[in-house]
Amino acid sequence: MYRRWFVLFLLLALPLTPGFAQTVPSSPQPEDIPEEVARLQPIEHARSPEDNRLLTPAEYALLQEELQKVQETRAVSPKLRQLILLLRIRKVLKTIVPFF
């Protein structure tokens, strides 16, 4: 009777051993796409903001550079900076003194 349980235990525990997993052949790994082919494929999330058409990687890179330049050249006016600073100070004071 114990022999049956022992055989059953071995049959159930055999797939859990690390050596068993290495003997089972795995599915072949997908091959990497060559860089030359990947450069020419359109990027799925790269769309033109004007007409929503797909962009090539080169066009997408140019668009990203233009957007980067626009963000660098934006400046906040000094009055607006001062107003933001005052609002932040007010927010801190309201947490300390609620009726302020």
N, C-alpha and C. Protein backbone atom coordinates (compact mmCIF):
# COMPACT_ATOMS: atom_id res chain seq x y z
N MET A 1 0.82 -1.18 0.00
CA MET A 1 0.00 0.00 0.00
C MET A 1 0.88 1.27 0.00
N TYR A 2 1.91 1.26 0.82
CA TYR A 2 2.79 2.42 0.86
C TYR A 2 3.55 2.59 -0.44
N ARG A 3 3.80 1.49 -1.10
CA ARG A 3 4.52 1.55 -2.36
C ARG A 3 3.70 2.32 -3.40
N ARG A 4 2.40 2.12 -3.41
CA ARG A 4 1.53 2.85 -4.35
C ARG A 4 1.59 4.35 -4.09
N TRP A 5 1.51 4.71 -2.81
CA TRP A 5 1.56 6.14 -2.47
C TRP A 5 2.91 6.75 -2.85
N PHE A 6 3.96 5.97 -2.63
CA PHE A 6 5.30 6.45 -2.96
C PHE A 6 5.45 6.65 -4.47
N VAL A 7 4.96 5.72 -5.27
CA VAL A 7 5.02 5.84 -6.72
C VAL A 7 4.17 7.02 -7.19
N LEU A 8 2.99 7.18 -6.61
CA LEU A 8 2.13 8.30 -6.96
C LEU A 8 2.80 9.63 -6.62
N PHE A 9 3.45 9.67 -5.45
CA PHE A 9 4.15 10.90 -5.05
C PHE A 9 5.29 11.21 -6.02
N LEU A 10 6.04 10.20 -6.42
CA LEU A 10 7.13 10.43 -7.36
C LEU A 10 6.62 10.92 -8.71
N LEU A 11 5.53 10.34 -9.17
CA LEU A 11 4.98 10.77 -10.45
C LEU A 11 4.47 12.21 -10.41
N LEU A 12 3.91 12.60 -9.28
CA LEU A 12 3.42 13.97 -9.16
C LEU A 12 4.55 14.96 -8.91
N ALA A 13 5.60 14.55 -8.21
CA ALA A 13 6.69 15.47 -7.88
C ALA A 13 7.72 15.58 -8.99
N LEU A 14 7.75 14.63 -9.90
CA LEU A 14 8.75 14.65 -10.97
C LEU A 14 8.70 15.92 -11.82
N PRO A 15 7.52 16.39 -12.26
CA PRO A 15 7.52 17.63 -13.06
C PRO A 15 7.94 18.86 -12.29
N LEU A 16 7.94 18.81 -10.96
CA LEU A 16 8.30 19.98 -10.16
C LEU A 16 9.80 20.11 -9.94
N THR A 17 10.56 19.08 -10.25
CA THR A 17 12.00 19.15 -10.04
C THR A 17 12.65 20.03 -11.10
N PRO A 18 13.70 20.78 -10.75
CA PRO A 18 14.34 21.68 -11.71
C PRO A 18 14.95 20.96 -12.90
N GLY A 19 15.49 19.76 -12.72
CA GLY A 19 16.11 19.04 -13.81
C GLY A 19 15.11 18.60 -14.86
N PHE A 20 13.90 18.33 -14.43
CA PHE A 20 12.87 17.89 -15.36
C PHE A 20 12.49 19.00 -16.33
N ALA A 21 12.44 20.22 -15.85
CA ALA A 21 12.06 21.35 -16.70
C ALA A 21 13.09 21.60 -17.78
N GLN A 22 14.35 21.26 -17.52
CA GLN A 22 15.39 21.50 -18.52
C GLN A 22 15.37 20.45 -19.62
N THR A 23 14.81 19.26 -19.33
CA THR A 23 14.79 18.22 -20.34
C THR A 23 13.66 18.41 -21.33
N VAL A 24 12.62 19.14 -20.95
CA VAL A 24 11.49 19.35 -21.85
C VAL A 24 11.88 20.42 -22.86
N PRO A 25 11.79 20.14 -24.15
CA PRO A 25 12.17 21.17 -25.13
C PRO A 25 11.17 22.32 -25.11
N SER A 26 11.69 23.52 -25.12
CA SER A 26 10.83 24.70 -25.12
C SER A 26 10.55 25.14 -26.55
N SER A 27 9.57 25.99 -26.68
CA SER A 27 9.24 26.49 -28.02
C SER A 27 10.38 27.39 -28.50
N PRO A 28 10.60 27.46 -29.79
CA PRO A 28 11.70 28.29 -30.29
C PRO A 28 11.45 29.77 -29.99
N GLN A 29 12.52 30.47 -29.65
CA GLN A 29 12.43 31.89 -29.34
C GLN A 29 12.20 32.68 -30.63
N PRO A 30 11.35 33.70 -30.56
CA PRO A 30 11.17 34.52 -31.77
C PRO A 30 12.46 35.26 -32.09
N GLU A 31 12.77 35.31 -33.35
CA GLU A 31 14.01 35.96 -33.75
C GLU A 31 13.87 37.47 -33.67
N ASP A 32 14.96 38.12 -33.37
CA ASP A 32 14.96 39.57 -33.31
C ASP A 32 14.80 40.15 -34.71
N ILE A 33 14.09 41.26 -34.76
CA ILE A 33 13.94 41.96 -36.03
C ILE A 33 15.22 42.75 -36.28
N PRO A 34 15.80 42.64 -37.45
CA PRO A 34 17.01 43.41 -37.74
C PRO A 34 16.75 44.91 -37.60
N GLU A 35 17.77 45.63 -37.18
CA GLU A 35 17.63 47.06 -36.94
C GLU A 35 17.23 47.81 -38.21
N GLU A 36 17.72 47.37 -39.34
CA GLU A 36 17.40 48.05 -40.60
C GLU A 36 15.91 47.95 -40.90
N VAL A 37 15.32 46.80 -40.59
CA VAL A 37 13.89 46.62 -40.83
C VAL A 37 13.09 47.40 -39.80
N ALA A 38 13.54 47.38 -38.56
CA ALA A 38 12.81 48.07 -37.50
C ALA A 38 12.80 49.59 -37.73
N ARG A 39 13.87 50.13 -38.31
CA ARG A 39 13.92 51.56 -38.57
C ARG A 39 12.88 51.99 -39.59
N LEU A 40 12.56 51.12 -40.52
CA LEU A 40 11.62 51.47 -41.59
C LEU A 40 10.16 51.24 -41.21
N GLN A 41 9.92 50.48 -40.16
CA GLN A 41 8.55 50.20 -39.77
C GLN A 41 7.96 51.40 -39.04
N PRO A 42 6.70 51.71 -39.30
CA PRO A 42 6.09 52.83 -38.58
C PRO A 42 5.88 52.48 -37.12
N ILE A 43 6.04 53.46 -36.27
CA ILE A 43 5.81 53.28 -34.84
C ILE A 43 4.31 53.44 -34.63
N GLU A 44 3.69 52.47 -33.97
CA GLU A 44 2.23 52.46 -33.84
C GLU A 44 1.69 53.65 -33.07
N HIS A 45 2.39 54.10 -32.04
CA HIS A 45 1.90 55.22 -31.24
C HIS A 45 2.36 56.57 -31.78
N ALA A 46 3.15 56.57 -32.86
CA ALA A 46 3.65 57.82 -33.43
C ALA A 46 2.67 58.30 -34.49
N ARG A 47 1.88 59.27 -34.11
CA ARG A 47 0.90 59.84 -35.04
C ARG A 47 1.10 61.34 -35.11
N SER A 48 0.78 61.87 -36.27
CA SER A 48 0.92 63.31 -36.48
C SER A 48 -0.18 64.04 -35.70
N PRO A 49 0.16 65.11 -34.99
CA PRO A 49 -0.87 65.85 -34.27
C PRO A 49 -1.80 66.63 -35.21
N GLU A 50 -1.36 66.86 -36.45
CA GLU A 50 -2.17 67.63 -37.38
C GLU A 50 -3.27 66.80 -38.04
N ASP A 51 -2.89 65.65 -38.65
CA ASP A 51 -3.88 64.88 -39.38
C ASP A 51 -3.97 63.42 -38.92
N ASN A 52 -3.33 63.07 -37.82
CA ASN A 52 -3.43 61.76 -37.19
C ASN A 52 -2.94 60.62 -38.09
N ARG A 53 -2.01 60.90 -38.98
CA ARG A 53 -1.47 59.84 -39.83
C ARG A 53 -0.24 59.26 -39.14
N LEU A 54 0.07 57.98 -39.50
CA LEU A 54 1.25 57.33 -38.93
C LEU A 54 2.52 58.01 -39.41
N LEU A 55 3.49 58.12 -38.53
CA LEU A 55 4.76 58.74 -38.86
C LEU A 55 5.85 57.68 -38.94
N THR A 56 6.80 57.90 -39.80
CA THR A 56 7.97 57.03 -39.85
C THR A 56 8.86 57.37 -38.65
N PRO A 57 9.78 56.50 -38.30
CA PRO A 57 10.66 56.81 -37.17
C PRO A 57 11.45 58.11 -37.35
N ALA A 58 11.86 58.42 -38.57
CA ALA A 58 12.61 59.68 -38.80
C ALA A 58 11.70 60.89 -38.56
N GLU A 59 10.48 60.82 -39.07
CA GLU A 59 9.54 61.93 -38.85
C GLU A 59 9.19 62.07 -37.37
N TYR A 60 9.06 60.93 -36.69
CA TYR A 60 8.75 60.94 -35.26
C TYR A 60 9.88 61.58 -34.46
N ALA A 61 11.13 61.27 -34.83
CA ALA A 61 12.27 61.86 -34.16
C ALA A 61 12.32 63.37 -34.37
N LEU A 62 12.03 63.83 -35.59
CA LEU A 62 11.99 65.28 -35.85
C LEU A 62 10.90 65.95 -35.03
N LEU A 63 9.74 65.31 -34.95
CA LEU A 63 8.64 65.87 -34.17
C LEU A 63 9.02 65.98 -32.70
N GLN A 64 9.69 64.95 -32.16
CA GLN A 64 10.11 64.98 -30.76
C GLN A 64 11.13 66.10 -30.52
N GLU A 65 12.05 66.30 -31.46
CA GLU A 65 13.03 67.39 -31.32
C GLU A 65 12.35 68.75 -31.32
N GLU A 66 11.38 68.94 -32.21
CA GLU A 66 10.66 70.21 -32.26
C GLU A 66 9.89 70.46 -30.97
N LEU A 67 9.24 69.43 -30.47
CA LEU A 67 8.51 69.58 -29.21
C LEU A 67 9.45 69.89 -28.06
N GLN A 68 10.63 69.30 -28.05
CA GLN A 68 11.62 69.57 -27.01
C GLN A 68 12.06 71.03 -27.06
N LYS A 69 12.30 71.56 -28.27
CA LYS A 69 12.72 72.95 -28.41
C LYS A 69 11.64 73.91 -27.95
N VAL A 70 10.37 73.58 -28.27
CA VAL A 70 9.26 74.45 -27.87
C VAL A 70 9.16 74.49 -26.35
N GLN A 71 9.35 73.36 -25.69
CA GLN A 71 9.26 73.32 -24.23
C GLN A 71 10.42 74.08 -23.59
N GLU A 72 11.59 74.05 -24.21
CA GLU A 72 12.74 74.75 -23.66
C GLU A 72 12.59 76.26 -23.79
N THR A 73 11.94 76.72 -24.84
CA THR A 73 11.85 78.15 -25.07
C THR A 73 10.69 78.81 -24.33
N ARG A 74 9.77 78.01 -23.81
CA ARG A 74 8.66 78.61 -23.06
C ARG A 74 9.18 79.21 -21.77
N ALA A 75 8.68 80.40 -21.47
CA ALA A 75 9.07 81.06 -20.24
C ALA A 75 7.83 81.56 -19.53
N VAL A 76 7.85 81.47 -18.23
CA VAL A 76 6.73 81.95 -17.43
C VAL A 76 7.02 83.38 -17.04
N SER A 77 6.01 84.21 -17.15
CA SER A 77 6.21 85.62 -16.82
C SER A 77 6.51 85.77 -15.33
N PRO A 78 7.26 86.80 -14.97
CA PRO A 78 7.62 87.00 -13.56
C PRO A 78 6.38 87.22 -12.66
N LYS A 79 5.36 87.87 -13.21
CA LYS A 79 4.14 88.08 -12.40
C LYS A 79 3.47 86.75 -12.07
N LEU A 80 3.43 85.88 -13.06
CA LEU A 80 2.81 84.58 -12.84
C LEU A 80 3.62 83.75 -11.86
N ARG A 81 4.96 83.82 -11.94
CA ARG A 81 5.81 83.12 -10.99
C ARG A 81 5.55 83.60 -9.56
N GLN A 82 5.43 84.91 -9.40
CA GLN A 82 5.19 85.47 -8.08
C GLN A 82 3.82 85.03 -7.56
N LEU A 83 2.82 85.01 -8.43
CA LEU A 83 1.49 84.59 -8.02
C LEU A 83 1.48 83.12 -7.58
N ILE A 84 2.19 82.28 -8.31
CA ILE A 84 2.28 80.87 -7.94
C ILE A 84 2.97 80.72 -6.60
N LEU A 85 4.04 81.47 -6.37
CA LEU A 85 4.74 81.42 -5.09
C LEU A 85 3.82 81.84 -3.96
N LEU A 86 3.08 82.91 -4.15
CA LEU A 86 2.16 83.37 -3.11
C LEU A 86 1.06 82.36 -2.83
N LEU A 87 0.55 81.71 -3.88
CA LEU A 87 -0.48 80.69 -3.66
C LEU A 87 0.08 79.49 -2.90
N ARG A 88 1.30 79.12 -3.17
CA ARG A 88 1.91 78.01 -2.43
C ARG A 88 2.13 78.37 -0.97
N ILE A 89 2.57 79.59 -0.72
CA ILE A 89 2.74 80.05 0.66
C ILE A 89 1.40 80.07 1.37
N ARG A 90 0.36 80.53 0.68
CA ARG A 90 -0.99 80.56 1.28
C ARG A 90 -1.47 79.14 1.62
N LYS A 91 -1.19 78.21 0.74
CA LYS A 91 -1.60 76.82 0.97
C LYS A 91 -0.91 76.25 2.21
N VAL A 92 0.38 76.55 2.39
CA VAL A 92 1.10 76.08 3.57
C VAL A 92 0.55 76.73 4.82
N LEU A 93 0.26 78.03 4.74
CA LEU A 93 -0.30 78.73 5.90
C LEU A 93 -1.69 78.20 6.26
N LYS A 94 -2.50 77.83 5.28
CA LYS A 94 -3.82 77.29 5.56
C LYS A 94 -3.75 75.95 6.28
N THR A 95 -2.72 75.16 6.01
CA THR A 95 -2.60 73.90 6.73
C THR A 95 -2.20 74.12 8.19
N ILE A 96 -1.45 75.19 8.43
CA ILE A 96 -1.02 75.49 9.81
C ILE A 96 -2.12 76.24 10.55
N VAL A 97 -2.66 77.28 9.92
CA VAL A 97 -3.70 78.11 10.53
C VAL A 97 -4.96 77.97 9.65
N PRO A 98 -5.93 77.16 10.04
CA PRO A 98 -7.06 76.88 9.17
C PRO A 98 -7.97 78.09 8.88
N PHE A 99 -8.06 79.04 9.77
CA PHE A 99 -8.97 80.18 9.56
C PHE A 99 -8.30 81.33 8.83
N PHE A 100 -7.09 81.17 8.35
CA PHE A 100 -6.37 82.23 7.66
C PHE A 100 -6.90 82.43 6.28
